[in-house]
PDB file of N, CA and C in Angstrom:
ATOM      1  N   MET A   1      10.360 -12.845 -45.934  1.00  0.00           N
ATOM      2  CA  MET A   1       9.983 -13.230 -44.594  1.00  0.00           C
ATOM      3  C   MET A   1      10.335 -12.119 -43.650  1.00  0.00           C
ATOM      4  N   GLN A   2       9.587 -12.053 -42.589  1.00  0.00           N
ATOM      5  CA  GLN A   2       9.892 -11.060 -41.595  1.00  0.00           C
ATOM      6  C   GLN A   2      10.743 -11.645 -40.532  1.00  0.00           C
ATOM      7  N   GLU A   3      11.648 -10.682 -40.035  1.00  0.00           N
ATOM      8  CA  GLU A   3      12.523 -11.150 -38.972  1.00  0.00           C
ATOM      9  C   GLU A   3      11.888 -11.057 -37.575  1.00  0.00           C
ATOM     10  N   ARG A   4      12.135 -12.093 -36.737  1.00  0.00           N
ATOM     11  CA  ARG A   4      11.537 -12.228 -35.409  1.00  0.00           C
ATOM     12  C   ARG A   4      12.471 -11.352 -34.406  1.00  0.00           C
ATOM     13  N   LYS A   5      11.746 -10.601 -33.710  1.00  0.00           N
ATOM     14  CA  LYS A   5      12.429  -9.842 -32.676  1.00  0.00           C
ATOM     15  C   LYS A   5      12.274 -10.626 -31.285  1.00  0.00           C
ATOM     16  N   PRO A   6      13.263 -10.555 -30.400  1.00  0.00           N
ATOM     17  CA  PRO A   6      13.048 -11.215 -29.145  1.00  0.00           C
ATOM     18  C   PRO A   6      11.942 -10.527 -28.388  1.00  0.00           C
ATOM     19  N   SER A   7      11.164 -11.293 -27.643  1.00  0.00           N
ATOM     20  CA  SER A   7       9.857 -10.854 -26.975  1.00  0.00           C
ATOM     21  C   SER A   7      10.345 -10.164 -25.702  1.00  0.00           C
ATOM     22  N   HIS A   8      11.600 -10.099 -25.264  1.00  0.00           N
ATOM     23  CA  HIS A   8      11.990  -9.328 -24.164  1.00  0.00           C
ATOM     24  C   HIS A   8      13.185  -8.611 -24.437  1.00  0.00           C
ATOM     25  N   SER A   9      13.443  -7.450 -23.718  1.00  0.00           N
ATOM     26  CA  SER A   9      14.610  -6.780 -23.941  1.00  0.00           C
ATOM     27  C   SER A   9      15.729  -7.386 -23.044  1.00  0.00           C
ATOM     28  N   ALA A  10      16.970  -7.092 -23.395  1.00  0.00           N
ATOM     29  CA  ALA A  10      18.107  -7.566 -22.677  1.00  0.00           C
ATOM     30  C   ALA A  10      18.175  -6.980 -21.239  1.00  0.00           C
ATOM     31  N   SER A  11      17.753  -5.782 -21.078  1.00  0.00           N
ATOM     32  CA  SER A  11      17.851  -5.052 -19.723  1.00  0.00           C
ATOM     33  C   SER A  11      16.755  -5.629 -18.893  1.00  0.00           C
ATOM     34  N   ALA A  12      15.632  -6.076 -19.428  1.00  0.00           N
ATOM     35  CA  ALA A  12      14.485  -6.540 -18.672  1.00  0.00           C
ATOM     36  C   ALA A  12      14.848  -8.069 -18.002  1.00  0.00           C
ATOM     37  N   ASN A  13      15.704  -8.589 -18.719  1.00  0.00           N
ATOM     38  CA  ASN A  13      16.039  -9.997 -18.380  1.00  0.00           C
ATOM     39  C   ASN A  13      16.921 -10.226 -17.177  1.00  0.00           C
ATOM     40  N   LYS A  14      17.447  -8.980 -16.769  1.00  0.00           N
ATOM     41  CA  LYS A  14      18.383  -9.065 -15.536  1.00  0.00           C
ATOM     42  C   LYS A  14      17.605  -9.102 -14.302  1.00  0.00           C
ATOM     43  N   GLY A  15      17.790 -10.139 -13.492  1.00  0.00           N
ATOM     44  CA  GLY A  15      17.051 -10.397 -12.242  1.00  0.00           C
ATOM     45  C   GLY A  15      17.822  -9.564 -11.264  1.00  0.00           C
ATOM     46  N   PRO A  16      17.602  -9.854  -9.942  1.00  0.00           N
ATOM     47  CA  PRO A  16      18.401  -9.268  -8.870  1.00  0.00           C
ATOM     48  C   PRO A  16      19.854  -9.788  -8.957  1.00  0.00           C
ATOM     49  N   MET A  17      20.735  -8.837  -8.986  1.00  0.00           N
ATOM     50  CA  MET A  17      22.091  -9.254  -9.124  1.00  0.00           C
ATOM     51  C   MET A  17      22.637  -9.820  -7.839  1.00  0.00           C
ATOM     52  N   ARG A  18      23.237 -10.942  -7.899  1.00  0.00           N
ATOM     53  CA  ARG A  18      23.883 -11.568  -6.758  1.00  0.00           C
ATOM     54  C   ARG A  18      25.272 -11.077  -6.572  1.00  0.00           C
ATOM     55  N   MET A  19      25.666 -10.874  -5.361  1.00  0.00           N
ATOM     56  CA  MET A  19      27.056 -10.478  -5.147  1.00  0.00           C
ATOM     57  C   MET A  19      28.055 -11.628  -5.158  1.00  0.00           C
ATOM     58  N   ARG A  20      28.921 -11.767  -6.111  1.00  0.00           N
ATOM     59  CA  ARG A  20      29.889 -12.795  -6.216  1.00  0.00           C
ATOM     60  C   ARG A  20      31.227 -12.448  -6.038  1.00  0.00           C
ATOM     61  N   ARG A  21      32.003 -13.222  -5.482  1.00  0.00           N
ATOM     62  CA  ARG A  21      33.445 -12.955  -5.376  1.00  0.00           C
ATOM     63  C   ARG A  21      34.056 -13.223  -6.820  1.00  0.00           C
ATOM     64  N   ARG A  22      34.951 -12.291  -7.179  1.00  0.00           N
ATOM     65  CA  ARG A  22      35.555 -12.554  -8.419  1.00  0.00           C
ATOM     66  C   ARG A  22      36.697 -13.624  -8.267  1.00  0.00           C
ATOM     67  N   GLY A  23      36.768 -14.372  -9.271  1.00  0.00           N
ATOM     68  CA  GLY A  23      37.838 -15.394  -9.239  1.00  0.00           C
ATOM     69  C   GLY A  23      37.625 -16.664  -8.567  1.00  0.00           C
ATOM     70  N   GLY A  24      36.396 -17.046  -8.270  1.00  0.00           N
ATOM     71  CA  GLY A  24      36.045 -18.299  -7.500  1.00  0.00           C
ATOM     72  C   GLY A  24      34.635 -18.452  -7.164  1.00  0.00           C
ATOM     73  N   PRO A  25      34.328 -19.526  -6.486  1.00  0.00           N
ATOM     74  CA  PRO A  25      32.909 -19.808  -6.225  1.00  0.00           C
ATOM     75  C   PRO A  25      32.477 -18.843  -5.089  1.00  0.00           C
ATOM     76  N   PRO A  26      31.181 -18.837  -4.880  1.00  0.00           N
ATOM     77  CA  PRO A  26      30.678 -17.967  -3.742  1.00  0.00           C
ATOM     78  C   PRO A  26      31.162 -18.415  -2.420  1.00  0.00           C
ATOM     79  N   LYS A  27      31.174 -17.436  -1.425  1.00  0.00           N
ATOM     80  CA  LYS A  27      31.784 -17.757  -0.106  1.00  0.00           C
ATOM     81  C   LYS A  27      30.866 -18.821   0.534  1.00  0.00           C
ATOM     82  N   ARG A  28      31.437 -19.710   1.217  1.00  0.00           N
ATOM     83  CA  ARG A  28      30.693 -20.868   1.788  1.00  0.00           C
ATOM     84  C   ARG A  28      30.133 -20.446   3.225  1.00  0.00           C
ATOM     85  N   LYS A  29      28.835 -20.761   3.447  1.00  0.00           N
ATOM     86  CA  LYS A  29      28.296 -20.535   4.716  1.00  0.00           C
ATOM     87  C   LYS A  29      28.927 -21.386   5.830  1.00  0.00           C
ATOM     88  N   VAL A  30      29.037 -20.769   6.985  1.00  0.00           N
ATOM     89  CA  VAL A  30      29.499 -21.513   8.125  1.00  0.00           C
ATOM     90  C   VAL A  30      28.442 -21.784   9.092  1.00  0.00           C
ATOM     91  N   CYS A  31      28.424 -23.009   9.689  1.00  0.00           N
ATOM     92  CA  CYS A  31      27.465 -23.358  10.673  1.00  0.00           C
ATOM     93  C   CYS A  31      27.532 -22.549  11.933  1.00  0.00           C
ATOM     94  N   ARG A  32      26.593 -21.947  12.411  1.00  0.00           N
ATOM     95  CA  ARG A  32      26.598 -21.093  13.486  1.00  0.00           C
ATOM     96  C   ARG A  32      26.821 -21.892  14.861  1.00  0.00           C
ATOM     97  N   PHE A  33      26.289 -23.033  14.804  1.00  0.00           N
ATOM     98  CA  PHE A  33      26.360 -23.865  16.003  1.00  0.00           C
ATOM     99  C   PHE A  33      27.820 -24.485  16.227  1.00  0.00           C
ATOM    100  N   CYS A  34      28.397 -24.847  15.027  1.00  0.00           N
ATOM    101  CA  CYS A  34      29.830 -25.309  15.174  1.00  0.00           C
ATOM    102  C   CYS A  34      30.790 -24.294  15.455  1.00  0.00           C
ATOM    103  N   ALA A  35      30.559 -23.128  14.879  1.00  0.00           N
ATOM    104  CA  ALA A  35      31.543 -22.030  15.022  1.00  0.00           C
ATOM    105  C   ALA A  35      31.497 -21.419  16.499  1.00  0.00           C
ATOM    106  N   ASP A  36      30.277 -21.269  17.027  1.00  0.00           N
ATOM    107  CA  ASP A  36      30.125 -20.554  18.329  1.00  0.00           C
ATOM    108  C   ASP A  36      29.970 -21.555  19.539  1.00  0.00           C
ATOM    109  N   LYS A  37      30.016 -22.824  19.221  1.00  0.00           N
ATOM    110  CA  LYS A  37      29.681 -23.868  20.217  1.00  0.00           C
ATOM    111  C   LYS A  37      28.328 -23.642  21.006  1.00  0.00           C
ATOM    112  N   ILE A  38      27.296 -23.339  20.223  1.00  0.00           N
ATOM    113  CA  ILE A  38      25.995 -23.090  20.767  1.00  0.00           C
ATOM    114  C   ILE A  38      25.188 -24.328  20.923  1.00  0.00           C
ATOM    115  N   GLU A  39      24.487 -24.513  21.987  1.00  0.00           N
ATOM    116  CA  GLU A  39      23.679 -25.693  22.261  1.00  0.00           C
ATOM    117  C   GLU A  39      22.254 -25.356  21.730  1.00  0.00           C
ATOM    118  N   ILE A  40      21.642 -26.380  20.953  1.00  0.00           N
ATOM    119  CA  ILE A  40      20.360 -26.202  20.492  1.00  0.00           C
ATOM    120  C   ILE A  40      19.390 -26.526  21.581  1.00  0.00           C
ATOM    121  N   ASP A  41      18.370 -25.638  22.060  1.00  0.00           N
ATOM    122  CA  ASP A  41      17.461 -25.944  22.968  1.00  0.00           C
ATOM    123  C   ASP A  41      16.092 -25.412  22.579  1.00  0.00           C
ATOM    124  N   TYR A  42      15.093 -26.273  22.854  1.00  0.00           N
ATOM    125  CA  TYR A  42      13.778 -25.856  22.379  1.00  0.00           C
ATOM    126  C   TYR A  42      13.140 -24.743  23.065  1.00  0.00           C
ATOM    127  N   LYS A  43      13.750 -24.353  24.186  1.00  0.00           N
ATOM    128  CA  LYS A  43      13.287 -23.162  25.011  1.00  0.00           C
ATOM    129  C   LYS A  43      13.830 -21.875  24.632  1.00  0.00           C
ATOM    130  N   ASN A  44      14.897 -21.948  23.800  1.00  0.00           N
ATOM    131  CA  ASN A  44      15.553 -20.775  23.317  1.00  0.00           C
ATOM    132  C   ASN A  44      14.792 -20.208  22.100  1.00  0.00           C
ATOM    133  N   LEU A  45      13.756 -19.482  22.221  1.00  0.00           N
ATOM    134  CA  LEU A  45      12.873 -19.077  21.164  1.00  0.00           C
ATOM    135  C   LEU A  45      13.526 -18.016  20.239  1.00  0.00           C
ATOM    136  N   SER A  46      14.287 -17.164  20.825  1.00  0.00           N
ATOM    137  CA  SER A  46      15.030 -16.125  20.069  1.00  0.00           C
ATOM    138  C   SER A  46      15.976 -16.714  18.979  1.00  0.00           C
ATOM    139  N   LEU A  47      16.610 -17.870  19.433  1.00  0.00           N
ATOM    140  CA  LEU A  47      17.473 -18.584  18.472  1.00  0.00           C
ATOM    141  C   LEU A  47      16.578 -19.336  17.437  1.00  0.00           C
ATOM    142  N   LEU A  48      15.598 -20.015  17.845  1.00  0.00           N
ATOM    143  CA  LEU A  48      14.766 -20.743  16.866  1.00  0.00           C
ATOM    144  C   LEU A  48      14.072 -19.947  15.996  1.00  0.00           C
ATOM    145  N   ARG A  49      13.701 -18.717  16.303  1.00  0.00           N
ATOM    146  CA  ARG A  49      12.924 -17.851  15.359  1.00  0.00           C
ATOM    147  C   ARG A  49      13.805 -17.509  14.121  1.00  0.00           C
ATOM    148  N   ASN A  50      15.103 -17.570  14.168  1.00  0.00           N
ATOM    149  CA  ASN A  50      16.042 -17.289  13.126  1.00  0.00           C
ATOM    150  C   ASN A  50      16.024 -18.312  12.120  1.00  0.00           C
ATOM    151  N   PHE A  51      15.341 -19.600  12.377  1.00  0.00           N
ATOM    152  CA  PHE A  51      15.396 -20.670  11.546  1.00  0.00           C
ATOM    153  C   PHE A  51      13.938 -21.030  10.950  1.00  0.00           C
ATOM    154  N   ILE A  52      13.071 -20.223  11.249  1.00  0.00           N
ATOM    155  CA  ILE A  52      11.711 -20.321  10.675  1.00  0.00           C
ATOM    156  C   ILE A  52      11.242 -19.092   9.912  1.00  0.00           C
ATOM    157  N   THR A  53      10.356 -19.217   8.923  1.00  0.00           N
ATOM    158  CA  THR A  53       9.980 -17.945   8.192  1.00  0.00           C
ATOM    159  C   THR A  53       8.792 -17.268   8.936  1.00  0.00           C
ATOM    160  N   GLU A  54       8.254 -16.225   8.407  1.00  0.00           N
ATOM    161  CA  GLU A  54       7.172 -15.543   8.988  1.00  0.00           C
ATOM    162  C   GLU A  54       5.803 -16.370   8.998  1.00  0.00           C
ATOM    163  N   ARG A  55       5.866 -17.321   7.998  1.00  0.00           N
ATOM    164  CA  ARG A  55       4.672 -18.212   7.894  1.00  0.00           C
ATOM    165  C   ARG A  55       4.800 -19.408   8.728  1.00  0.00           C
ATOM    166  N   GLY A  56       5.954 -19.684   9.341  1.00  0.00           N
ATOM    167  CA  GLY A  56       6.241 -20.844  10.278  1.00  0.00           C
ATOM    168  C   GLY A  56       6.863 -21.963   9.663  1.00  0.00           C
ATOM    169  N   LYS A  57       7.305 -21.867   8.393  1.00  0.00           N
ATOM    170  CA  LYS A  57       8.120 -22.973   7.820  1.00  0.00           C
ATOM    171  C   LYS A  57       9.534 -22.979   8.371  1.00  0.00           C
ATOM    172  N   ILE A  58      10.020 -24.146   8.441  1.00  0.00           N
ATOM    173  CA  ILE A  58      11.518 -24.376   8.944  1.00  0.00           C
ATOM    174  C   ILE A  58      12.347 -24.158   7.639  1.00  0.00           C
ATOM    175  N   LEU A  59      13.345 -23.251   7.790  1.00  0.00           N
ATOM    176  CA  LEU A  59      14.174 -23.008   6.710  1.00  0.00           C
ATOM    177  C   LEU A  59      15.273 -24.132   6.583  1.00  0.00           C
ATOM    178  N   SER A  60      15.775 -24.395   5.384  1.00  0.00           N
ATOM    179  CA  SER A  60      16.615 -25.495   4.983  1.00  0.00           C
ATOM    180  C   SER A  60      18.050 -25.125   5.456  1.00  0.00           C
ATOM    181  N   GLY A  61      18.887 -26.160   5.571  1.00  0.00           N
ATOM    182  CA  GLY A  61      20.312 -25.899   5.940  1.00  0.00           C
ATOM    183  C   GLY A  61      20.994 -25.137   4.791  1.00  0.00           C
ATOM    184  N   ARG A  62      20.617 -25.248   3.598  1.00  0.00           N
ATOM    185  CA  ARG A  62      21.276 -24.546   2.416  1.00  0.00           C
ATOM    186  C   ARG A  62      20.947 -23.127   2.657  1.00  0.00           C
ATOM    187  N   VAL A  63      19.746 -22.698   3.213  1.00  0.00           N
ATOM    188  CA  VAL A  63      19.559 -21.297   3.258  1.00  0.00           C
ATOM    189  C   VAL A  63      20.170 -20.771   4.415  1.00  0.00           C
ATOM    190  N   THR A  64      20.181 -21.535   5.557  1.00  0.00           N
ATOM    191  CA  THR A  64      20.718 -20.914   6.833  1.00  0.00           C
ATOM    192  C   THR A  64      22.249 -21.094   7.014  1.00  0.00           C
ATOM    193  N   GLY A  65      22.792 -22.104   6.301  1.00  0.00           N
ATOM    194  CA  GLY A  65      24.210 -22.416   6.346  1.00  0.00           C
ATOM    195  C   GLY A  65      24.541 -23.419   7.614  1.00  0.00           C
ATOM    196  N   THR A  66      23.448 -24.006   8.020  1.00  0.00           N
ATOM    197  CA  THR A  66      23.675 -24.942   9.147  1.00  0.00           C
ATOM    198  C   THR A  66      24.125 -26.319   8.638  1.00  0.00           C
ATOM    199  N   CYS A  67      24.958 -27.027   9.357  1.00  0.00           N
ATOM    200  CA  CYS A  67      25.421 -28.336   8.894  1.00  0.00           C
ATOM    201  C   CYS A  67      24.384 -29.373   9.145  1.00  0.00           C
ATOM    202  N   ALA A  68      24.507 -30.470   8.622  1.00  0.00           N
ATOM    203  CA  ALA A  68      23.429 -31.508   8.591  1.00  0.00           C
ATOM    204  C   ALA A  68      23.113 -31.885  10.083  1.00  0.00           C
ATOM    205  N   LYS A  69      24.124 -32.220  10.866  1.00  0.00           N
ATOM    206  CA  LYS A  69      23.991 -32.546  12.153  1.00  0.00           C
ATOM    207  C   LYS A  69      23.137 -31.506  13.014  1.00  0.00           C
ATOM    208  N   HIS A  70      23.561 -30.344  12.892  1.00  0.00           N
ATOM    209  CA  HIS A  70      22.755 -29.295  13.637  1.00  0.00           C
ATOM    210  C   HIS A  70      21.459 -29.076  13.058  1.00  0.00           C
ATOM    211  N   GLN A  71      21.225 -29.167  11.678  1.00  0.00           N
ATOM    212  CA  GLN A  71      19.979 -28.964  11.041  1.00  0.00           C
ATOM    213  C   GLN A  71      18.878 -29.949  11.627  1.00  0.00           C
ATOM    214  N   ARG A  72      19.417 -31.168  11.824  1.00  0.00           N
ATOM    215  CA  ARG A  72      18.498 -32.097  12.463  1.00  0.00           C
ATOM    216  C   ARG A  72      18.064 -31.699  13.849  1.00  0.00           C
ATOM    217  N   GLY A  73      18.939 -31.174  14.656  1.00  0.00           N
ATOM    218  CA  GLY A  73      18.716 -30.725  15.895  1.00  0.00           C
ATOM    219  C   GLY A  73      17.752 -29.554  15.924  1.00  0.00           C
ATOM    220  N   VAL A  74      17.948 -28.596  14.979  1.00  0.00           N
ATOM    221  CA  VAL A  74      17.062 -27.559  14.797  1.00  0.00           C
ATOM    222  C   VAL A  74      15.678 -27.845  14.532  1.00  0.00           C
ATOM    223  N   ASN A  75      15.495 -28.839  13.525  1.00  0.00           N
ATOM    224  CA  ASN A  75      14.228 -29.431  13.152  1.00  0.00           C
ATOM    225  C   ASN A  75      13.519 -30.004  14.356  1.00  0.00           C
ATOM    226  N   SER A  76      14.187 -30.819  15.089  1.00  0.00           N
ATOM    227  CA  SER A  76      13.408 -31.375  16.173  1.00  0.00           C
ATOM    228  C   SER A  76      13.174 -30.432  17.369  1.00  0.00           C
ATOM    229  N   ALA A  77      13.987 -29.360  17.572  1.00  0.00           N
ATOM    230  CA  ALA A  77      13.737 -28.354  18.570  1.00  0.00           C
ATOM    231  C   ALA A  77      12.522 -27.536  18.130  1.00  0.00           C
ATOM    232  N   VAL A  78      12.517 -27.125  16.925  1.00  0.00           N
ATOM    233  CA  VAL A  78      11.307 -26.390  16.394  1.00  0.00           C
ATOM    234  C   VAL A  78      10.083 -27.241  16.552  1.00  0.00           C
ATOM    235  N   LYS A  79      10.112 -28.431  16.210  1.00  0.00           N
ATOM    236  CA  LYS A  79       8.855 -29.264  16.293  1.00  0.00           C
ATOM    237  C   LYS A  79       8.509 -29.450  17.778  1.00  0.00           C
ATOM    238  N   ARG A  80       9.430 -29.632  18.516  1.00  0.00           N
ATOM    239  CA  ARG A  80       9.102 -29.752  20.014  1.00  0.00           C
ATOM    240  C   ARG A  80       8.432 -28.477  20.617  1.00  0.00           C
ATOM    241  N   ALA A  81       9.151 -27.427  20.203  1.00  0.00           N
ATOM    242  CA  ALA A  81       8.628 -26.054  20.614  1.00  0.00           C
ATOM    243  C   ALA A  81       7.185 -25.851  20.063  1.00  0.00           C
ATOM    244  N   ARG A  82       6.820 -26.368  18.958  1.00  0.00           N
ATOM    245  CA  ARG A  82       5.474 -26.147  18.456  1.00  0.00           C
ATOM    246  C   ARG A  82       4.588 -27.034  19.281  1.00  0.00           C
ATOM    247  N   MET A  83       4.971 -28.271  19.650  1.00  0.00           N
ATOM    248  CA  MET A  83       4.128 -29.170  20.352  1.00  0.00           C
ATOM    249  C   MET A  83       3.822 -28.585  21.880  1.00  0.00           C
ATOM    250  N   LEU A  84       4.701 -27.848  22.298  1.00  0.00           N
ATOM    251  CA  LEU A  84       4.539 -27.206  23.612  1.00  0.00           C
ATOM    252  C   LEU A  84       3.955 -25.858  23.619  1.00  0.00           C
ATOM    253  N   ALA A  85       3.560 -25.359  22.401  1.00  0.00           N
ATOM    254  CA  ALA A  85       2.919 -24.073  22.196  1.00  0.00           C
ATOM    255  C   ALA A  85       3.793 -22.976  22.436  1.00  0.00           C
ATOM    256  N   PHE A  86       5.222 -23.183  22.342  1.00  0.00           N
ATOM    257  CA  PHE A  86       6.131 -22.030  22.285  1.00  0.00           C
ATOM    258  C   PHE A  86       6.217 -21.298  21.026  1.00  0.00           C
ATOM    259  N   LEU A  87       6.095 -22.076  20.013  1.00  0.00           N
ATOM    260  CA  LEU A  87       6.032 -21.460  18.624  1.00  0.00           C
ATOM    261  C   LEU A  87       4.782 -21.868  17.922  1.00  0.00           C
ATOM    262  N   PRO A  88       4.410 -20.916  16.944  1.00  0.00           N
ATOM    263  CA  PRO A  88       3.119 -21.365  16.151  1.00  0.00           C
ATOM    264  C   PRO A  88       3.386 -22.328  15.065  1.00  0.00           C
ATOM    265  N   PHE A  89       2.472 -23.197  14.685  1.00  0.00           N
ATOM    266  CA  PHE A  89       2.635 -23.989  13.606  1.00  0.00           C
ATOM    267  C   PHE A  89       2.395 -23.240  12.354  1.00  0.00           C
ATOM    268  N   THR A  90       1.593 -22.298  12.304  1.00  0.00           N
ATOM    269  CA  THR A  90       1.451 -21.379  11.076  1.00  0.00           C
ATOM    270  C   THR A  90       1.180 -19.932  11.592  1.00  0.00           C
ATOM    271  N   ALA A  91       1.261 -19.079  10.639  1.00  0.00           N
ATOM    272  CA  ALA A  91       1.010 -17.619  10.818  1.00  0.00           C
ATOM    273  C   ALA A  91      -0.348 -17.378  10.778  1.00  0.00           C
ATOM    274  N   VAL A  92      -0.910 -16.599  11.675  1.00  0.00           N
ATOM    275  CA  VAL A  92      -2.339 -16.266  11.682  1.00  0.00           C
ATOM    276  C   VAL A  92      -2.660 -15.004  10.823  1.00  0.00           C
TER     277      VAL A  92
END
């Protein structure tokens, strides 16, 4: 019988390396609104643009590090800004 070789090399299997702290779990993200006592406002477009992608999707709290309470506020502020045509629904 013929021996089977792996279809991929070991070096090709390495994806983008994530920076991890040695000796423990990755560093926990801190909610920007809790830390800096920032108010969420649908008129503050420079702040809201940090929480949507180029295509117009709202980023999750896991990605941004926002706590659940403030993530709900961000979602409603982005949706309100879209309805008032401050932010686009999609990228053109």
